[in-house]
Amino acid sequence: MDKQRADERFEALFAAQRQPLYRYLYRLTGSPDAAEELVQASFVKAYGAIGRLPQDANERAWLYRIATNAANDRFRRNCLCEWLPLRDESDQDEVPDHGAYTGESGPAMHDLGLDVQKALSQLPDKYRAPLLLYGAEELSVNEIAQVLGIGVSAVKMRLLRAREMFRKVYDV
């Protein structure tokens, strides 16, 4: 693929996915700064590799895989220090409004609420990530399998277990 077409493809991907990716990473990490850093790192990596991505590839799943891997790397590097910190009661109960990641045409930021955030923070990462990808980001089971690099049946099992764990923790 020539550079101009790769650049156009990247620009379209960036415009369509920057807000959803930020929301996902914010929910995954609990930190607006970490989410912003991971979004930037993910798009830098995507820009360098988009020319090699097949035309018929699922770009959204590919980008979320890059972002999830970056978040996992950060998680390992920081030894759980910043992974889903619980917010103070005085904090907002919504995804913060960061200028570069908001827009009039983008979907509204969802309010997870402190109790939901707290319950999510108690789930192991292998269950939290698919639950966020499916419930909050509305990725299909097939897309989640691509993002996490696991089979469709494994995604379904993790979603089932994640829901069960969430219900126990959240007391639904």
C-alpha atoms as a PDB file:
ATOM      1  CA  MET A   1       0.000   0.000   0.000  1.00  0.00           C
ATOM      2  CA  ASP A   2       1.414   3.420  -0.890  1.00  0.00           C
ATOM      3  CA  LYS A   3       2.104   6.001   1.820  1.00  0.00           C
ATOM      4  CA  GLN A   4      -0.748   8.329   0.861  1.00  0.00           C
ATOM      5  CA  ARG A   5      -3.351   5.555   1.070  1.00  0.00           C
ATOM      6  CA  ALA A   6      -1.878   4.321   4.353  1.00  0.00           C
ATOM      7  CA  ASP A   7      -2.041   7.869   5.752  1.00  0.00           C
ATOM      8  CA  GLU A   8      -5.666   8.256   4.647  1.00  0.00           C
ATOM      9  CA  ARG A   9      -6.556   4.905   6.183  1.00  0.00           C
ATOM     10  CA  PHE A  10      -4.850   5.891   9.441  1.00  0.00           C
ATOM     11  CA  GLU A  11      -6.589   9.287   9.558  1.00  0.00           C
ATOM     12  CA  ALA A  12      -9.984   7.623   9.129  1.00  0.00           C
ATOM     13  CA  LEU A  13      -9.175   5.074  11.841  1.00  0.00           C
ATOM     14  CA  PHE A  14      -7.951   7.806  14.188  1.00  0.00           C
ATOM     15  CA  ALA A  15     -11.042   9.955  13.651  1.00  0.00           C
ATOM     16  CA  ALA A  16     -13.410   7.037  14.217  1.00  0.00           C
ATOM     17  CA  GLN A  17     -11.670   5.329  17.129  1.00  0.00           C
ATOM     18  CA  ARG A  18      -9.832   7.890  19.270  1.00  0.00           C
ATOM     19  CA  GLN A  19     -12.778   8.572  21.607  1.00  0.00           C
ATOM     20  CA  PRO A  20     -13.918   4.953  22.036  1.00  0.00           C
ATOM     21  CA  LEU A  21     -10.320   3.833  22.558  1.00  0.00           C
ATOM     22  CA  TYR A  22      -9.748   6.521  25.187  1.00  0.00           C
ATOM     23  CA  ARG A  23     -12.944   5.517  27.016  1.00  0.00           C
ATOM     24  CA  TYR A  24     -11.929   1.845  26.986  1.00  0.00           C
ATOM     25  CA  LEU A  25      -8.417   2.561  28.238  1.00  0.00           C
ATOM     26  CA  TYR A  26      -9.701   4.958  30.888  1.00  0.00           C
ATOM     27  CA  ARG A  27     -12.080   2.326  32.193  1.00  0.00           C
ATOM     28  CA  LEU A  28      -9.366  -0.304  32.065  1.00  0.00           C
ATOM     29  CA  THR A  29      -6.735   1.757  33.893  1.00  0.00           C
ATOM     30  CA  GLY A  30      -8.872   4.157  35.925  1.00  0.00           C
ATOM     31  CA  SER A  31      -6.422   6.944  35.134  1.00  0.00           C
ATOM     32  CA  PRO A  32      -7.042   9.720  32.594  1.00  0.00           C
ATOM     33  CA  ASP A  33      -3.304  10.320  32.223  1.00  0.00           C
ATOM     34  CA  ALA A  34      -2.546   6.638  31.686  1.00  0.00           C
ATOM     35  CA  ALA A  35      -5.412   6.353  29.201  1.00  0.00           C
ATOM     36  CA  GLU A  36      -4.187   9.360  27.227  1.00  0.00           C
ATOM     37  CA  GLU A  37      -0.630   8.012  27.180  1.00  0.00           C
ATOM     38  CA  LEU A  38      -1.830   4.586  26.041  1.00  0.00           C
ATOM     39  CA  VAL A  39      -4.028   6.080  23.303  1.00  0.00           C
ATOM     40  CA  GLN A  40      -1.051   8.003  21.952  1.00  0.00           C
ATOM     41  CA  ALA A  41       1.234   4.970  22.136  1.00  0.00           C
ATOM     42  CA  SER A  42      -1.391   2.796  20.451  1.00  0.00           C
ATOM     43  CA  PHE A  43      -1.898   5.194  17.562  1.00  0.00           C
ATOM     44  CA  VAL A  44       1.857   5.653  17.100  1.00  0.00           C
ATOM     45  CA  LYS A  45       2.254   1.885  16.818  1.00  0.00           C
ATOM     46  CA  ALA A  46      -0.787   1.626  14.535  1.00  0.00           C
ATOM     47  CA  TYR A  47       0.567   4.365  12.269  1.00  0.00           C
ATOM     48  CA  GLY A  48       3.813   2.463  11.821  1.00  0.00           C
ATOM     49  CA  ALA A  49       2.051  -0.784  10.948  1.00  0.00           C
ATOM     50  CA  ILE A  50      -1.103   0.227   9.080  1.00  0.00           C
ATOM     51  CA  GLY A  51       0.589  -0.071   5.703  1.00  0.00           C
ATOM     52  CA  ARG A  52       1.085  -3.797   6.344  1.00  0.00           C
ATOM     53  CA  LEU A  53      -2.480  -4.405   7.531  1.00  0.00           C
ATOM     54  CA  PRO A  54      -4.548  -6.291   4.935  1.00  0.00           C
ATOM     55  CA  GLN A  55      -7.345  -4.240   3.358  1.00  0.00           C
ATOM     56  CA  ASP A  56     -10.024  -6.638   4.616  1.00  0.00           C
ATOM     57  CA  ALA A  57      -8.740  -6.705   8.221  1.00  0.00           C
ATOM     58  CA  ASN A  58     -10.947  -5.570  11.082  1.00  0.00           C
ATOM     59  CA  GLU A  59      -9.177  -2.307  11.895  1.00  0.00           C
ATOM     60  CA  ARG A  60     -11.063  -1.696  15.126  1.00  0.00           C
ATOM     61  CA  ALA A  61     -10.189  -5.118  16.572  1.00  0.00           C
ATOM     62  CA  TRP A  62      -6.584  -4.682  15.419  1.00  0.00           C
ATOM     63  CA  LEU A  63      -6.334  -1.271  17.125  1.00  0.00           C
ATOM     64  CA  TYR A  64      -7.927  -2.528  20.347  1.00  0.00           C
ATOM     65  CA  ARG A  65      -5.450  -5.409  20.399  1.00  0.00           C
ATOM     66  CA  ILE A  66      -2.581  -2.928  20.132  1.00  0.00           C
ATOM     67  CA  ALA A  67      -4.117  -0.864  22.949  1.00  0.00           C
ATOM     68  CA  THR A  68      -4.825  -3.869  25.166  1.00  0.00           C
ATOM     69  CA  ASN A  69      -1.258  -5.106  24.713  1.00  0.00           C
ATOM     70  CA  ALA A  70       0.054  -1.632  25.566  1.00  0.00           C
ATOM     71  CA  ALA A  71      -2.125  -1.552  28.694  1.00  0.00           C
ATOM     72  CA  ASN A  72      -0.935  -5.021  29.705  1.00  0.00           C
ATOM     73  CA  ASP A  73       2.682  -3.939  29.208  1.00  0.00           C
ATOM     74  CA  ARG A  74       2.073  -0.878  31.363  1.00  0.00           C
ATOM     75  CA  PHE A  75       0.361  -3.028  33.974  1.00  0.00           C
ATOM     76  CA  ARG A  76       3.350  -5.360  34.199  1.00  0.00           C
ATOM     77  CA  ARG A  77       5.808  -2.467  34.175  1.00  0.00           C
ATOM     78  CA  ASN A  78       4.051  -0.579  36.964  1.00  0.00           C
ATOM     79  CA  CYS A  79       3.469  -3.612  39.207  1.00  0.00           C
ATOM     80  CA  LEU A  80      -0.214  -2.923  39.769  1.00  0.00           C
ATOM     81  CA  CYS A  81       0.514   0.608  41.042  1.00  0.00           C
ATOM     82  CA  GLU A  82      -1.920   2.418  38.747  1.00  0.00           C
ATOM     83  CA  TRP A  83      -4.197  -0.383  37.581  1.00  0.00           C
ATOM     84  CA  LEU A  84      -7.802   0.656  38.191  1.00  0.00           C
ATOM     85  CA  PRO A  85      -7.311   2.862  41.217  1.00  0.00           C
ATOM     86  CA  LEU A  86     -10.487   3.593  43.125  1.00  0.00           C
ATOM     87  CA  ARG A  87     -11.530   7.217  42.948  1.00  0.00           C
ATOM     88  CA  ASP A  88     -12.371   9.410  45.907  1.00  0.00           C
ATOM     89  CA  GLU A  89     -16.006  10.262  46.555  1.00  0.00           C
ATOM     90  CA  SER A  90     -15.178  13.805  45.443  1.00  0.00           C
ATOM     91  CA  ASP A  91     -14.087  12.626  41.989  1.00  0.00           C
ATOM     92  CA  GLN A  92     -16.441  12.698  39.041  1.00  0.00           C
ATOM     93  CA  ASP A  93     -18.314   9.490  38.337  1.00  0.00           C
ATOM     94  CA  GLU A  94     -17.759   9.753  34.614  1.00  0.00           C
ATOM     95  CA  VAL A  95     -14.989   9.587  32.089  1.00  0.00           C
ATOM     96  CA  PRO A  96     -13.187  12.938  32.240  1.00  0.00           C
ATOM     97  CA  ASP A  97     -13.571  15.400  29.419  1.00  0.00           C
ATOM     98  CA  HIS A  98     -10.189  15.719  27.726  1.00  0.00           C
ATOM     99  CA  GLY A  99     -10.142  18.213  24.880  1.00  0.00           C
ATOM    100  CA  ALA A 100      -8.414  16.024  22.297  1.00  0.00           C
ATOM    101  CA  TYR A 101     -10.690  13.091  23.016  1.00  0.00           C
ATOM    102  CA  THR A 102     -14.062  14.753  22.961  1.00  0.00           C
ATOM    103  CA  GLY A 103     -16.130  16.037  20.120  1.00  0.00           C
ATOM    104  CA  GLU A 104     -19.589  17.077  19.172  1.00  0.00           C
ATOM    105  CA  SER A 105     -20.120  14.080  16.912  1.00  0.00           C
ATOM    106  CA  GLY A 106     -18.654  11.469  19.290  1.00  0.00           C
ATOM    107  CA  PRO A 107     -20.758   9.210  21.484  1.00  0.00           C
ATOM    108  CA  ALA A 108     -21.618  10.507  24.941  1.00  0.00           C
ATOM    109  CA  MET A 109     -19.304   9.506  27.741  1.00  0.00           C
ATOM    110  CA  HIS A 110     -20.925   6.825  29.884  1.00  0.00           C
ATOM    111  CA  ASP A 111     -21.275   7.176  33.614  1.00  0.00           C
ATOM    112  CA  LEU A 112     -20.099   3.960  35.216  1.00  0.00           C
ATOM    113  CA  GLY A 113     -20.667   5.155  38.758  1.00  0.00           C
ATOM    114  CA  LEU A 114     -18.341   4.637  41.671  1.00  0.00           C
ATOM    115  CA  ASP A 115     -19.945   1.349  42.739  1.00  0.00           C
ATOM    116  CA  VAL A 116     -19.606  -0.142  39.263  1.00  0.00           C
ATOM    117  CA  GLN A 117     -16.014   1.108  38.987  1.00  0.00           C
ATOM    118  CA  LYS A 118     -15.240  -0.437  42.369  1.00  0.00           C
ATOM    119  CA  ALA A 119     -16.813  -3.752  41.363  1.00  0.00           C
ATOM    120  CA  LEU A 120     -14.919  -3.789  38.068  1.00  0.00           C
ATOM    121  CA  SER A 121     -11.644  -3.129  39.872  1.00  0.00           C
ATOM    122  CA  GLN A 122     -12.112  -6.357  41.826  1.00  0.00           C
ATOM    123  CA  LEU A 123     -12.324  -8.524  38.710  1.00  0.00           C
ATOM    124  CA  PRO A 124      -9.152 -10.170  37.427  1.00  0.00           C
ATOM    125  CA  ASP A 125      -7.855  -8.498  34.254  1.00  0.00           C
ATOM    126  CA  LYS A 126      -8.579 -11.542  32.100  1.00  0.00           C
ATOM    127  CA  TYR A 127     -12.279 -11.075  32.918  1.00  0.00           C
ATOM    128  CA  ARG A 128     -12.438  -7.284  33.217  1.00  0.00           C
ATOM    129  CA  ALA A 129     -11.082  -6.596  29.701  1.00  0.00           C
ATOM    130  CA  PRO A 130     -13.609  -8.730  27.773  1.00  0.00           C
ATOM    131  CA  LEU A 131     -16.462  -7.400  29.909  1.00  0.00           C
ATOM    132  CA  LEU A 132     -15.485  -3.797  29.124  1.00  0.00           C
ATOM    133  CA  LEU A 133     -14.933  -4.537  25.440  1.00  0.00           C
ATOM    134  CA  TYR A 134     -18.320  -6.226  25.135  1.00  0.00           C
ATOM    135  CA  GLY A 135     -20.468  -4.127  27.449  1.00  0.00           C
ATOM    136  CA  ALA A 136     -18.961  -0.665  27.227  1.00  0.00           C
ATOM    137  CA  GLU A 137     -17.302  -0.630  23.811  1.00  0.00           C
ATOM    138  CA  GLU A 138     -19.835  -2.929  22.104  1.00  0.00           C
ATOM    139  CA  LEU A 139     -17.285  -5.095  20.331  1.00  0.00           C
ATOM    140  CA  SER A 140     -18.576  -8.413  19.031  1.00  0.00           C
ATOM    141  CA  VAL A 141     -17.386 -11.712  20.485  1.00  0.00           C
ATOM    142  CA  ASN A 142     -15.348 -12.276  17.312  1.00  0.00           C
ATOM    143  CA  GLU A 143     -13.712  -8.846  17.631  1.00  0.00           C
ATOM    144  CA  ILE A 144     -12.907  -9.476  21.291  1.00  0.00           C
ATOM    145  CA  ALA A 145     -11.304 -12.790  20.336  1.00  0.00           C
ATOM    146  CA  GLN A 146      -9.106 -10.908  17.857  1.00  0.00           C
ATOM    147  CA  VAL A 147      -8.270  -8.189  20.394  1.00  0.00           C
ATOM    148  CA  LEU A 148      -7.294 -10.622  23.144  1.00  0.00           C
ATOM    149  CA  GLY A 149      -5.759 -13.248  20.870  1.00  0.00           C
ATOM    150  CA  ILE A 150      -7.983 -16.042  22.184  1.00  0.00           C
ATOM    151  CA  GLY A 151     -10.718 -18.206  20.698  1.00  0.00           C
ATOM    152  CA  VAL A 152     -14.382 -17.261  20.445  1.00  0.00           C
ATOM    153  CA  SER A 153     -15.372 -19.984  22.927  1.00  0.00           C
ATOM    154  CA  ALA A 154     -12.801 -18.643  25.415  1.00  0.00           C
ATOM    155  CA  VAL A 155     -14.300 -15.156  25.049  1.00  0.00           C
ATOM    156  CA  LYS A 156     -17.793 -16.505  25.697  1.00  0.00           C
ATOM    157  CA  MET A 157     -16.566 -18.378  28.776  1.00  0.00           C
ATOM    158  CA  ARG A 158     -14.716 -15.323  30.106  1.00  0.00           C
ATOM    159  CA  LEU A 159     -17.792 -13.148  29.576  1.00  0.00           C
ATOM    160  CA  LEU A 160     -19.957 -15.670  31.418  1.00  0.00           C
ATOM    161  CA  ARG A 161     -17.518 -15.882  34.329  1.00  0.00           C
ATOM    162  CA  ALA A 162     -16.987 -12.108  34.346  1.00  0.00           C
ATOM    163  CA  ARG A 163     -20.728 -11.506  34.622  1.00  0.00           C
ATOM    164  CA  GLU A 164     -20.991 -14.038  37.455  1.00  0.00           C
ATOM    165  CA  MET A 165     -18.063 -12.453  39.313  1.00  0.00           C
ATOM    166  CA  PHE A 166     -19.430  -8.972  38.737  1.00  0.00           C
ATOM    167  CA  ARG A 167     -22.857  -9.940  40.104  1.00  0.00           C
ATOM    168  CA  LYS A 168     -21.270 -11.391  43.254  1.00  0.00           C
ATOM    169  CA  VAL A 169     -19.096  -8.341  43.827  1.00  0.00           C
ATOM    170  CA  TYR A 170     -21.764  -5.797  42.900  1.00  0.00           C
ATOM    171  CA  ASP A 171     -24.547  -7.631  44.792  1.00  0.00           C
ATOM    172  CA  VAL A 172     -26.993  -7.465  41.901  1.00  0.00           C
END
